[in-house]
Each structure stands twice: as structure tokens, then as C-alpha cells.
């Protein structure tokens, strides 16, 4: 029977990864305030850094209704997100072929 052992080193690694995710989310929020000004009315507690990061809503254009996307986002931001996801899928497909 395997027991679950967490060493101090592994715990430190996990904390460092959580800090990196929090920094990335903070950078995303800053970009969103510029590129998606309609998100400004969303309460800041939605972005509480103490919240579990895997439960946070990212508020990507693709998650919004068409009406919200049109009124909240600067022009072409939804298309930019689409191109980004397309490039990710294309890269993943090429990686599978290699």
C-alpha cells in the first residue's frame, strides 16, 4: 500500500507554482481591463487572489454571450482569442504527428 508523503521540498514547489499562477492571473486581469473594458463593473471579489485559482472564472470573450462580447470587448478581441486557440490546436496536432 502506498502512502502519500509530501516533503518540505515538494510543498515549496507547489507554493511556487501557485504564486506563478496568481501572477499570471493578475497579468490577465490587467490586460482584460484594457482590452475588455466592459468587465470593469464585475466586482473585485471575483478576482480575489485568496480564492482557489482553479475555481476562478476567466471571463474570456468565448465565455460571453454575443451581446456581452459586442459591448464588453474592444473590436477584434474575440477574433484574436479565436486565432490564439486555433494556433494552439494546430501546434497540438503537429506535436501528435512528430
PDB file of N, CA and C in Angstrom:
ATOM      1  N   UNK A   1       0.834  -1.163   0.000  1.00  0.00           N
ATOM      2  CA  UNK A   1       0.000   0.000   0.000  1.00  0.00           C
ATOM      3  C   UNK A   1       0.891   1.242   0.000  1.00  0.00           C
ATOM      4  N   UNK A   2       0.614   2.161  -0.916  1.00  0.00           N
ATOM      5  CA  UNK A   2       1.370   3.401  -0.995  1.00  0.00           C
ATOM      6  C   UNK A   2       0.784   4.428  -0.048  1.00  0.00           C
ATOM      7  N   UNK A   3       1.654   5.123   0.634  1.00  0.00           N
ATOM      8  CA  UNK A   3       1.183   6.224   1.457  1.00  0.00           C
ATOM      9  C   UNK A   3       1.571   7.521   0.781  1.00  0.00           C
ATOM     10  N   UNK A   4       0.780   8.510   1.006  1.00  0.00           N
ATOM     11  CA  UNK A   4       1.011   9.804   0.382  1.00  0.00           C
ATOM     12  C   UNK A   4       1.947  10.617   1.280  1.00  0.00           C
ATOM     13  N   UNK A   5       3.134  10.881   0.773  1.00  0.00           N
ATOM     14  CA  UNK A   5       4.115  11.618   1.541  1.00  0.00           C
ATOM     15  C   UNK A   5       4.408  12.930   0.824  1.00  0.00           C
ATOM     16  N   UNK A   6       4.289  14.039   1.527  1.00  0.00           N
ATOM     17  CA  UNK A   6       4.609  15.340   0.967  1.00  0.00           C
ATOM     18  C   UNK A   6       5.830  15.860   1.700  1.00  0.00           C
ATOM     19  N   UNK A   7       6.892  16.018   0.967  1.00  0.00           N
ATOM     20  CA  UNK A   7       8.109  16.532   1.578  1.00  0.00           C
ATOM     21  C   UNK A   7       8.060  18.049   1.623  1.00  0.00           C
ATOM     22  N   UNK A   8       8.934  18.619   2.416  1.00  0.00           N
ATOM     23  CA  UNK A   8       9.014  20.078   2.513  1.00  0.00           C
ATOM     24  C   UNK A   8       9.393  20.659   1.154  1.00  0.00           C
ATOM     25  N   UNK A   9      10.258  19.961   0.422  1.00  0.00           N
ATOM     26  CA  UNK A   9      10.673  20.430  -0.905  1.00  0.00           C
ATOM     27  C   UNK A   9       9.484  20.441  -1.865  1.00  0.00           C
ATOM     28  N   UNK A  10       8.698  19.389  -1.864  1.00  0.00           N
ATOM     29  CA  UNK A  10       7.527  19.313  -2.752  1.00  0.00           C
ATOM     30  C   UNK A  10       6.503  20.376  -2.370  1.00  0.00           C
ATOM     31  N   UNK A  11       6.325  20.597  -1.077  1.00  0.00           N
ATOM     32  CA  UNK A  11       5.396  21.631  -0.616  1.00  0.00           C
ATOM     33  C   UNK A  11       5.864  23.006  -1.116  1.00  0.00           C
ATOM     34  N   UNK A  12       7.154  23.268  -1.050  1.00  0.00           N
ATOM     35  CA  UNK A  12       7.704  24.539  -1.539  1.00  0.00           C
ATOM     36  C   UNK A  12       7.491  24.669  -3.047  1.00  0.00           C
ATOM     37  N   UNK A  13       7.657  23.574  -3.793  1.00  0.00           N
ATOM     38  CA  UNK A  13       7.416  23.598  -5.239  1.00  0.00           C
ATOM     39  C   UNK A  13       5.961  23.954  -5.547  1.00  0.00           C
ATOM     40  N   UNK A  14       5.046  23.361  -4.803  1.00  0.00           N
ATOM     41  CA  UNK A  14       3.616  23.624  -5.014  1.00  0.00           C
ATOM     42  C   UNK A  14       3.302  25.081  -4.715  1.00  0.00           C
ATOM     43  N   UNK A  15       3.836  25.611  -3.628  1.00  0.00           N
ATOM     44  CA  UNK A  15       3.615  27.023  -3.301  1.00  0.00           C
ATOM     45  C   UNK A  15       4.160  27.940  -4.389  1.00  0.00           C
ATOM     46  N   UNK A  16       5.308  27.598  -4.934  1.00  0.00           N
ATOM     47  CA  UNK A  16       5.904  28.405  -6.009  1.00  0.00           C
ATOM     48  C   UNK A  16       5.041  28.357  -7.268  1.00  0.00           C
ATOM     49  N   UNK A  17       4.490  27.197  -7.581  1.00  0.00           N
ATOM     50  CA  UNK A  17       3.590  27.080  -8.726  1.00  0.00           C
ATOM     51  C   UNK A  17       2.318  27.896  -8.518  1.00  0.00           C
ATOM     52  N   UNK A  18       1.785  27.878  -7.305  1.00  0.00           N
ATOM     53  CA  UNK A  18       0.588  28.676  -7.005  1.00  0.00           C
ATOM     54  C   UNK A  18       0.879  30.165  -7.153  1.00  0.00           C
ATOM     55  N   UNK A  19       2.066  30.600  -6.725  1.00  0.00           N
ATOM     56  CA  UNK A  19       2.444  32.010  -6.884  1.00  0.00           C
ATOM     57  C   UNK A  19       2.542  32.369  -8.360  1.00  0.00           C
ATOM     58  N   UNK A  20       3.106  31.476  -9.157  1.00  0.00           N
ATOM     59  CA  UNK A  20       3.243  31.730 -10.598  1.00  0.00           C
ATOM     60  C   UNK A  20       1.869  31.844 -11.253  1.00  0.00           C
ATOM     61  N   UNK A  21       0.942  30.979 -10.867  1.00  0.00           N
ATOM     62  CA  UNK A  21      -0.417  31.045 -11.415  1.00  0.00           C
ATOM     63  C   UNK A  21      -1.084  32.350 -11.007  1.00  0.00           C
ATOM     64  N   UNK A  22      -0.926  32.750  -9.763  1.00  0.00           N
ATOM     65  CA  UNK A  22      -1.514  34.004  -9.292  1.00  0.00           C
ATOM     66  C   UNK A  22      -0.955  35.197 -10.057  1.00  0.00           C
ATOM     67  N   UNK A  23       0.354  35.191 -10.323  1.00  0.00           N
ATOM     68  CA  UNK A  23       0.965  36.274 -11.112  1.00  0.00           C
ATOM     69  C   UNK A  23       0.390  36.291 -12.525  1.00  0.00           C
ATOM     70  N   UNK A  24       0.245  35.124 -13.122  1.00  0.00           N
ATOM     71  CA  UNK A  24      -0.308  35.049 -14.475  1.00  0.00           C
ATOM     72  C   UNK A  24      -1.748  35.548 -14.504  1.00  0.00           C
ATOM     73  N   UNK A  25      -2.537  35.178 -13.510  1.00  0.00           N
ATOM     74  CA  UNK A  25      -3.919  35.648 -13.440  1.00  0.00           C
ATOM     75  C   UNK A  25      -3.977  37.160 -13.246  1.00  0.00           C
ATOM     76  N   UNK A  26      -3.063  37.685 -12.457  1.00  0.00           N
ATOM     77  CA  UNK A  26      -3.006  39.131 -12.254  1.00  0.00           C
ATOM     78  C   UNK A  26      -2.687  39.851 -13.565  1.00  0.00           C
ATOM     79  N   UNK A  27      -1.746  39.308 -14.331  1.00  0.00           N
ATOM     80  CA  UNK A  27      -1.409  39.888 -15.637  1.00  0.00           C
ATOM     81  C   UNK A  27      -2.597  39.800 -16.593  1.00  0.00           C
ATOM     82  N   UNK A  28      -3.322  38.671 -16.555  1.00  0.00           N
ATOM     83  CA  UNK A  28      -4.512  38.519 -17.389  1.00  0.00           C
ATOM     84  C   UNK A  28      -5.541  39.590 -17.036  1.00  0.00           C
ATOM     85  N   UNK A  29      -5.774  39.799 -15.748  1.00  0.00           N
ATOM     86  CA  UNK A  29      -6.752  40.797 -15.310  1.00  0.00           C
ATOM     87  C   UNK A  29      -6.376  42.195 -15.771  1.00  0.00           C
ATOM     88  N   UNK A  30      -5.083  42.517 -15.716  1.00  0.00           N
ATOM     89  CA  UNK A  30      -4.639  43.840 -16.167  1.00  0.00           C
ATOM     90  C   UNK A  30      -4.904  44.006 -17.658  1.00  0.00           C
ATOM     91  N   UNK A  31      -4.610  42.986 -18.430  1.00  0.00           N
ATOM     92  CA  UNK A  31      -4.878  43.038 -19.873  1.00  0.00           C
ATOM     93  C   UNK A  31      -6.367  43.144 -20.146  1.00  0.00           C
ATOM     94  N   UNK A  32      -7.159  42.403 -19.387  1.00  0.00           N
ATOM     95  CA  UNK A  32      -8.606  42.434 -19.586  1.00  0.00           C
ATOM     96  C   UNK A  32      -9.187  43.811 -19.300  1.00  0.00           C
ATOM     97  N   UNK A  33      -8.655  44.497 -18.317  1.00  0.00           N
ATOM     98  CA  UNK A  33      -9.161  45.843 -18.015  1.00  0.00           C
ATOM     99  C   UNK A  33      -8.956  46.782 -19.191  1.00  0.00           C
ATOM    100  N   UNK A  34      -7.906  46.542 -19.969  1.00  0.00           N
ATOM    101  CA  UNK A  34      -7.622  47.369 -21.144  1.00  0.00           C
ATOM    102  C   UNK A  34      -8.407  46.896 -22.360  1.00  0.00           C
ATOM    103  N   UNK A  35      -8.392  45.597 -22.628  1.00  0.00           N
ATOM    104  CA  UNK A  35      -8.967  45.050 -23.850  1.00  0.00           C
ATOM    105  C   UNK A  35     -10.455  44.723 -23.744  1.00  0.00           C
ATOM    106  N   UNK A  36     -10.937  44.584 -22.517  1.00  0.00           N
ATOM    107  CA  UNK A  36     -12.340  44.257 -22.284  1.00  0.00           C
ATOM    108  C   UNK A  36     -12.890  45.221 -21.232  1.00  0.00           C
ATOM    109  N   UNK A  37     -13.015  46.485 -21.576  1.00  0.00           N
ATOM    110  CA  UNK A  37     -13.429  47.480 -20.581  1.00  0.00           C
ATOM    111  C   UNK A  37     -14.804  47.217 -19.975  1.00  0.00           C
ATOM    112  N   UNK A  38     -15.616  46.430 -20.614  1.00  0.00           N
ATOM    113  CA  UNK A  38     -16.930  46.098 -20.075  1.00  0.00           C
ATOM    114  C   UNK A  38     -16.873  45.242 -18.824  1.00  0.00           C
ATOM    115  N   UNK A  39     -15.706  44.663 -18.523  1.00  0.00           N
ATOM    116  CA  UNK A  39     -15.571  43.861 -17.314  1.00  0.00           C
ATOM    117  C   UNK A  39     -15.415  44.721 -16.067  1.00  0.00           C
ATOM    118  N   UNK A  40     -15.215  46.019 -16.230  1.00  0.00           N
ATOM    119  CA  UNK A  40     -14.986  46.909 -15.086  1.00  0.00           C
ATOM    120  C   UNK A  40     -16.065  46.793 -14.011  1.00  0.00           C
ATOM    121  N   UNK A  41     -17.351  46.652 -14.370  1.00  0.00           N
ATOM    122  CA  UNK A  41     -18.374  46.561 -13.311  1.00  0.00           C
ATOM    123  C   UNK A  41     -18.346  45.253 -12.510  1.00  0.00           C
ATOM    124  N   UNK A  42     -17.602  44.258 -12.986  1.00  0.00           N
ATOM    125  CA  UNK A  42     -17.541  42.982 -12.285  1.00  0.00           C
ATOM    126  C   UNK A  42     -16.853  43.228 -10.933  1.00  0.00           C
ATOM    127  N   UNK A  43     -17.436  42.798  -9.845  1.00  0.00           N
ATOM    128  CA  UNK A  43     -16.851  43.052  -8.521  1.00  0.00           C
ATOM    129  C   UNK A  43     -15.442  42.474  -8.384  1.00  0.00           C
ATOM    130  N   UNK A  44     -14.600  43.183  -7.664  1.00  0.00           N
ATOM    131  CA  UNK A  44     -13.219  42.735  -7.473  1.00  0.00           C
ATOM    132  C   UNK A  44     -13.118  41.432  -6.709  1.00  0.00           C
ATOM    133  N   UNK A  45     -14.138  41.098  -5.893  1.00  0.00           N
ATOM    134  CA  UNK A  45     -14.047  39.837  -5.164  1.00  0.00           C
ATOM    135  C   UNK A  45     -14.056  38.642  -6.113  1.00  0.00           C
ATOM    136  N   UNK A  46     -14.519  38.848  -7.339  1.00  0.00           N
ATOM    137  CA  UNK A  46     -14.446  37.792  -8.350  1.00  0.00           C
ATOM    138  C   UNK A  46     -12.992  37.437  -8.616  1.00  0.00           C
ATOM    139  N   UNK A  47     -12.117  38.432  -8.452  1.00  0.00           N
ATOM    140  CA  UNK A  47     -10.699  38.251  -8.715  1.00  0.00           C
ATOM    141  C   UNK A  47      -9.881  38.108  -7.439  1.00  0.00           C
ATOM    142  N   UNK A  48     -10.497  37.751  -6.363  1.00  0.00           N
ATOM    143  CA  UNK A  48      -9.810  37.619  -5.090  1.00  0.00           C
ATOM    144  C   UNK A  48      -8.668  36.618  -5.206  1.00  0.00           C
ATOM    145  N   UNK A  49      -7.442  37.071  -4.953  1.00  0.00           N
ATOM    146  CA  UNK A  49      -6.276  36.198  -5.070  1.00  0.00           C
ATOM    147  C   UNK A  49      -6.271  35.079  -4.031  1.00  0.00           C
ATOM    148  N   UNK A  50      -7.053  35.235  -2.965  1.00  0.00           N
ATOM    149  CA  UNK A  50      -7.123  34.198  -1.953  1.00  0.00           C
ATOM    150  C   UNK A  50      -8.038  33.057  -2.385  1.00  0.00           C
ATOM    151  N   UNK A  51      -8.864  33.301  -3.390  1.00  0.00           N
ATOM    152  CA  UNK A  51      -9.775  32.258  -3.872  1.00  0.00           C
ATOM    153  C   UNK A  51      -8.975  31.155  -4.540  1.00  0.00           C
ATOM    154  N   UNK A  52      -9.550  29.993  -4.588  1.00  0.00           N
ATOM    155  CA  UNK A  52      -8.891  28.882  -5.260  1.00  0.00           C
ATOM    156  C   UNK A  52      -8.836  29.177  -6.746  1.00  0.00           C
ATOM    157  N   UNK A  53      -7.612  29.286  -7.271  1.00  0.00           N
ATOM    158  CA  UNK A  53      -7.423  29.713  -8.651  1.00  0.00           C
ATOM    159  C   UNK A  53      -8.121  28.820  -9.666  1.00  0.00           C
ATOM    160  N   UNK A  54      -8.254  27.529  -9.361  1.00  0.00           N
ATOM    161  CA  UNK A  54      -8.895  26.643 -10.330  1.00  0.00           C
ATOM    162  C   UNK A  54     -10.408  26.823 -10.364  1.00  0.00           C
ATOM    163  N   UNK A  55     -10.957  27.632  -9.465  1.00  0.00           N
ATOM    164  CA  UNK A  55     -12.391  27.889  -9.466  1.00  0.00           C
ATOM    165  C   UNK A  55     -12.739  29.275  -9.986  1.00  0.00           C
ATOM    166  N   UNK A  56     -11.735  30.068 -10.344  1.00  0.00           N
ATOM    167  CA  UNK A  56     -11.977  31.423 -10.831  1.00  0.00           C
ATOM    168  C   UNK A  56     -12.504  31.412 -12.248  1.00  0.00           C
ATOM    169  N   UNK A  57     -13.438  32.300 -12.518  1.00  0.00           N
ATOM    170  CA  UNK A  57     -13.931  32.485 -13.882  1.00  0.00           C
ATOM    171  C   UNK A  57     -12.943  33.405 -14.596  1.00  0.00           C
ATOM    172  N   UNK A  58     -12.518  33.024 -15.788  1.00  0.00           N
ATOM    173  CA  UNK A  58     -11.513  33.806 -16.512  1.00  0.00           C
ATOM    174  C   UNK A  58     -12.103  34.946 -17.326  1.00  0.00           C
ATOM    175  N   UNK A  59     -13.389  34.897 -17.631  1.00  0.00           N
ATOM    176  CA  UNK A  59     -14.053  35.936 -18.411  1.00  0.00           C
ATOM    177  C   UNK A  59     -13.406  36.111 -19.788  1.00  0.00           C
ATOM    178  N   UNK A  60     -13.162  35.014 -20.476  1.00  0.00           N
ATOM    179  CA  UNK A  60     -12.658  35.087 -21.850  1.00  0.00           C
ATOM    180  C   UNK A  60     -13.808  35.470 -22.778  1.00  0.00           C
ATOM    181  N   UNK A  61     -13.502  36.123 -23.898  1.00  0.00           N
ATOM    182  CA  UNK A  61     -14.573  36.508 -24.826  1.00  0.00           C
ATOM    183  C   UNK A  61     -15.447  35.325 -25.242  1.00  0.00           C
ATOM    184  N   UNK A  62     -14.850  34.157 -25.412  1.00  0.00           N
ATOM    185  CA  UNK A  62     -15.624  32.985 -25.840  1.00  0.00           C
ATOM    186  C   UNK A  62     -16.607  32.516 -24.774  1.00  0.00           C
ATOM    187  N   UNK A  63     -16.441  32.941 -23.529  1.00  0.00           N
ATOM    188  CA  UNK A  63     -17.354  32.560 -22.460  1.00  0.00           C
ATOM    189  C   UNK A  63     -18.552  33.505 -22.350  1.00  0.00           C
ATOM    190  N   UNK A  64     -18.539  34.587 -23.110  1.00  0.00           N
ATOM    191  CA  UNK A  64     -19.576  35.605 -23.024  1.00  0.00           C
ATOM    192  C   UNK A  64     -20.637  35.388 -24.093  1.00  0.00           C
ATOM    193  N   UNK A  65     -21.809  35.914 -23.839  1.00  0.00           N
ATOM    194  CA  UNK A  65     -22.846  35.887 -24.870  1.00  0.00           C
ATOM    195  C   UNK A  65     -22.434  36.858 -25.986  1.00  0.00           C
ATOM    196  N   UNK A  66     -23.059  36.739 -27.118  1.00  0.00           N
ATOM    197  CA  UNK A  66     -22.739  37.623 -28.244  1.00  0.00           C
ATOM    198  C   UNK A  66     -22.961  39.080 -27.867  1.00  0.00           C
ATOM    199  N   UNK A  67     -24.035  39.360 -27.164  1.00  0.00           N
ATOM    200  CA  UNK A  67     -24.335  40.738 -26.751  1.00  0.00           C
ATOM    201  C   UNK A  67     -23.258  41.267 -25.805  1.00  0.00           C
ATOM    202  N   UNK A  68     -22.861  40.452 -24.826  1.00  0.00           N
ATOM    203  CA  UNK A  68     -21.808  40.862 -23.890  1.00  0.00           C
ATOM    204  C   UNK A  68     -20.480  41.060 -24.618  1.00  0.00           C
ATOM    205  N   UNK A  69     -20.172  40.138 -25.511  1.00  0.00           N
ATOM    206  CA  UNK A  69     -18.920  40.229 -26.270  1.00  0.00           C
ATOM    207  C   UNK A  69     -18.867  41.531 -27.057  1.00  0.00           C
ATOM    208  N   UNK A  70     -19.976  41.868 -27.710  1.00  0.00           N
ATOM    209  CA  UNK A  70     -20.023  43.085 -28.523  1.00  0.00           C
ATOM    210  C   UNK A  70     -19.900  44.348 -27.678  1.00  0.00           C
ATOM    211  N   UNK A  71     -20.483  44.334 -26.478  1.00  0.00           N
ATOM    212  CA  UNK A  71     -20.460  45.553 -25.665  1.00  0.00           C
ATOM    213  C   UNK A  71     -19.273  45.613 -24.702  1.00  0.00           C
ATOM    214  N   UNK A  72     -18.710  44.487 -24.302  1.00  0.00           N
ATOM    215  CA  UNK A  72     -17.637  44.479 -23.305  1.00  0.00           C
ATOM    216  C   UNK A  72     -16.242  44.525 -23.907  1.00  0.00           C
ATOM    217  N   UNK A  73     -16.079  43.993 -25.111  1.00  0.00           N
ATOM    218  CA  UNK A  73     -14.738  43.839 -25.696  1.00  0.00           C
ATOM    219  C   UNK A  73     -14.436  44.920 -26.730  1.00  0.00           C
ATOM    220  N   UNK A  74     -13.175  45.280 -26.837  1.00  0.00           N
ATOM    221  CA  UNK A  74     -12.757  46.134 -27.937  1.00  0.00           C
ATOM    222  C   UNK A  74     -12.921  45.346 -29.233  1.00  0.00           C
ATOM    223  N   UNK A  75     -13.081  46.037 -30.366  1.00  0.00           N
ATOM    224  CA  UNK A  75     -13.242  45.323 -31.638  1.00  0.00           C
ATOM    225  C   UNK A  75     -12.070  44.365 -31.888  1.00  0.00           C
ATOM    226  N   UNK A  76     -12.362  43.253 -32.468  1.00  0.00           N
ATOM    227  CA  UNK A  76     -11.397  42.229 -32.887  1.00  0.00           C
ATOM    228  C   UNK A  76     -10.807  41.393 -31.753  1.00  0.00           C
ATOM    229  N   UNK A  77     -11.142  41.655 -30.509  1.00  0.00           N
ATOM    230  CA  UNK A  77     -10.612  40.843 -29.408  1.00  0.00           C
ATOM    231  C   UNK A  77     -11.164  39.411 -29.483  1.00  0.00           C
ATOM    232  N   UNK A  78     -12.450  39.197 -29.739  1.00  0.00           N
ATOM    233  CA  UNK A  78     -12.919  37.813 -29.889  1.00  0.00           C
ATOM    234  C   UNK A  78     -12.211  37.070 -31.033  1.00  0.00           C
ATOM    235  N   UNK A  79     -11.964  37.754 -32.128  1.00  0.00           N
ATOM    236  CA  UNK A  79     -11.252  37.119 -33.247  1.00  0.00           C
ATOM    237  C   UNK A  79      -9.820  36.787 -32.856  1.00  0.00           C
ATOM    238  N   UNK A  80      -9.199  37.637 -32.059  1.00  0.00           N
ATOM    239  CA  UNK A  80      -7.835  37.383 -31.589  1.00  0.00           C
ATOM    240  C   UNK A  80      -7.791  36.139 -30.709  1.00  0.00           C
ATOM    241  N   UNK A  81      -8.784  35.998 -29.822  1.00  0.00           N
ATOM    242  CA  UNK A  81      -8.847  34.804 -28.985  1.00  0.00           C
ATOM    243  C   UNK A  81      -9.041  33.558 -29.849  1.00  0.00           C
ATOM    244  N   UNK A  82      -9.899  33.649 -30.861  1.00  0.00           N
ATOM    245  CA  UNK A  82     -10.125  32.513 -31.755  1.00  0.00           C
ATOM    246  C   UNK A  82      -8.817  32.100 -32.440  1.00  0.00           C
ATOM    247  N   UNK A  83      -8.074  33.082 -32.966  1.00  0.00           N
ATOM    248  CA  UNK A  83      -6.811  32.780 -33.645  1.00  0.00           C
ATOM    249  C   UNK A  83      -5.804  32.144 -32.685  1.00  0.00           C
ATOM    250  N   UNK A  84      -5.787  32.600 -31.444  1.00  0.00           N
ATOM    251  CA  UNK A  84      -4.902  32.019 -30.445  1.00  0.00           C
ATOM    252  C   UNK A  84      -5.241  30.550 -30.203  1.00  0.00           C
ATOM    253  N   UNK A  85      -6.531  30.257 -30.009  1.00  0.00           N
ATOM    254  CA  UNK A  85      -6.951  28.863 -29.787  1.00  0.00           C
ATOM    255  C   UNK A  85      -6.688  28.003 -31.027  1.00  0.00           C
ATOM    256  N   UNK A  86      -6.890  28.572 -32.195  1.00  0.00           N
ATOM    257  CA  UNK A  86      -6.625  27.841 -33.435  1.00  0.00           C
ATOM    258  C   UNK A  86      -5.143  27.476 -33.519  1.00  0.00           C
ATOM    259  N   UNK A  87      -4.271  28.422 -33.188  1.00  0.00           N
ATOM    260  CA  UNK A  87      -2.829  28.165 -33.216  1.00  0.00           C
ATOM    261  C   UNK A  87      -2.449  27.087 -32.204  1.00  0.00           C
ATOM    262  N   UNK A  88      -3.072  27.117 -31.031  1.00  0.00           N
ATOM    263  CA  UNK A  88      -2.809  26.082 -30.024  1.00  0.00           C
ATOM    264  C   UNK A  88      -3.208  24.707 -30.546  1.00  0.00           C
ATOM    265  N   UNK A  89      -4.386  24.618 -31.159  1.00  0.00           N
ATOM    266  CA  UNK A  89      -4.859  23.342 -31.688  1.00  0.00           C
ATOM    267  C   UNK A  89      -3.959  22.855 -32.813  1.00  0.00           C
ATOM    268  N   UNK A  90      -3.529  23.773 -33.668  1.00  0.00           N
ATOM    269  CA  UNK A  90      -2.642  23.415 -34.768  1.00  0.00           C
ATOM    270  C   UNK A  90      -1.306  22.897 -34.238  1.00  0.00           C
ATOM    271  N   UNK A  91      -0.750  23.569 -33.241  1.00  0.00           N
ATOM    272  CA  UNK A  91       0.520  23.139 -32.648  1.00  0.00           C
ATOM    273  C   UNK A  91       0.365  21.768 -31.993  1.00  0.00           C
ATOM    274  N   UNK A  92      -0.769  21.539 -31.324  1.00  0.00           N
ATOM    275  CA  UNK A  92      -1.004  20.248 -30.691  1.00  0.00           C
ATOM    276  C   UNK A  92      -1.113  19.146 -31.740  1.00  0.00           C
ATOM    277  N   UNK A  93      -1.768  19.436 -32.867  1.00  0.00           N
ATOM    278  CA  UNK A  93      -1.890  18.443 -33.931  1.00  0.00           C
ATOM    279  C   UNK A  93      -0.530  18.103 -34.518  1.00  0.00           C
ATOM    280  N   UNK A  94       0.298  19.103 -34.726  1.00  0.00           N
ATOM    281  CA  UNK A  94       1.653  18.867 -35.251  1.00  0.00           C
ATOM    282  C   UNK A  94       2.494  18.070 -34.244  1.00  0.00           C
ATOM    283  N   UNK A  95       2.321  18.343 -32.956  1.00  0.00           N
ATOM    284  CA  UNK A  95       3.064  17.611 -31.924  1.00  0.00           C
ATOM    285  C   UNK A  95       2.684  16.142 -31.941  1.00  0.00           C
ATOM    286  N   UNK A  96       1.422  15.832 -32.224  1.00  0.00           N
ATOM    287  CA  UNK A  96       0.972  14.447 -32.296  1.00  0.00           C
ATOM    288  C   UNK A  96       1.609  13.717 -33.482  1.00  0.00           C
ATOM    289  N   UNK A  97       1.897  14.451 -34.549  1.00  0.00           N
ATOM    290  CA  UNK A  97       2.476  13.842 -35.743  1.00  0.00           C
ATOM    291  C   UNK A  97       3.976  13.572 -35.588  1.00  0.00           C
ATOM    292  N   UNK A  98       4.589  14.293 -34.705  1.00  0.00           N
ATOM    293  CA  UNK A  98       6.050  14.160 -34.539  1.00  0.00           C
ATOM    294  C   UNK A  98       6.420  12.939 -33.748  1.00  0.00           C
TER     295      UNK A  98
END
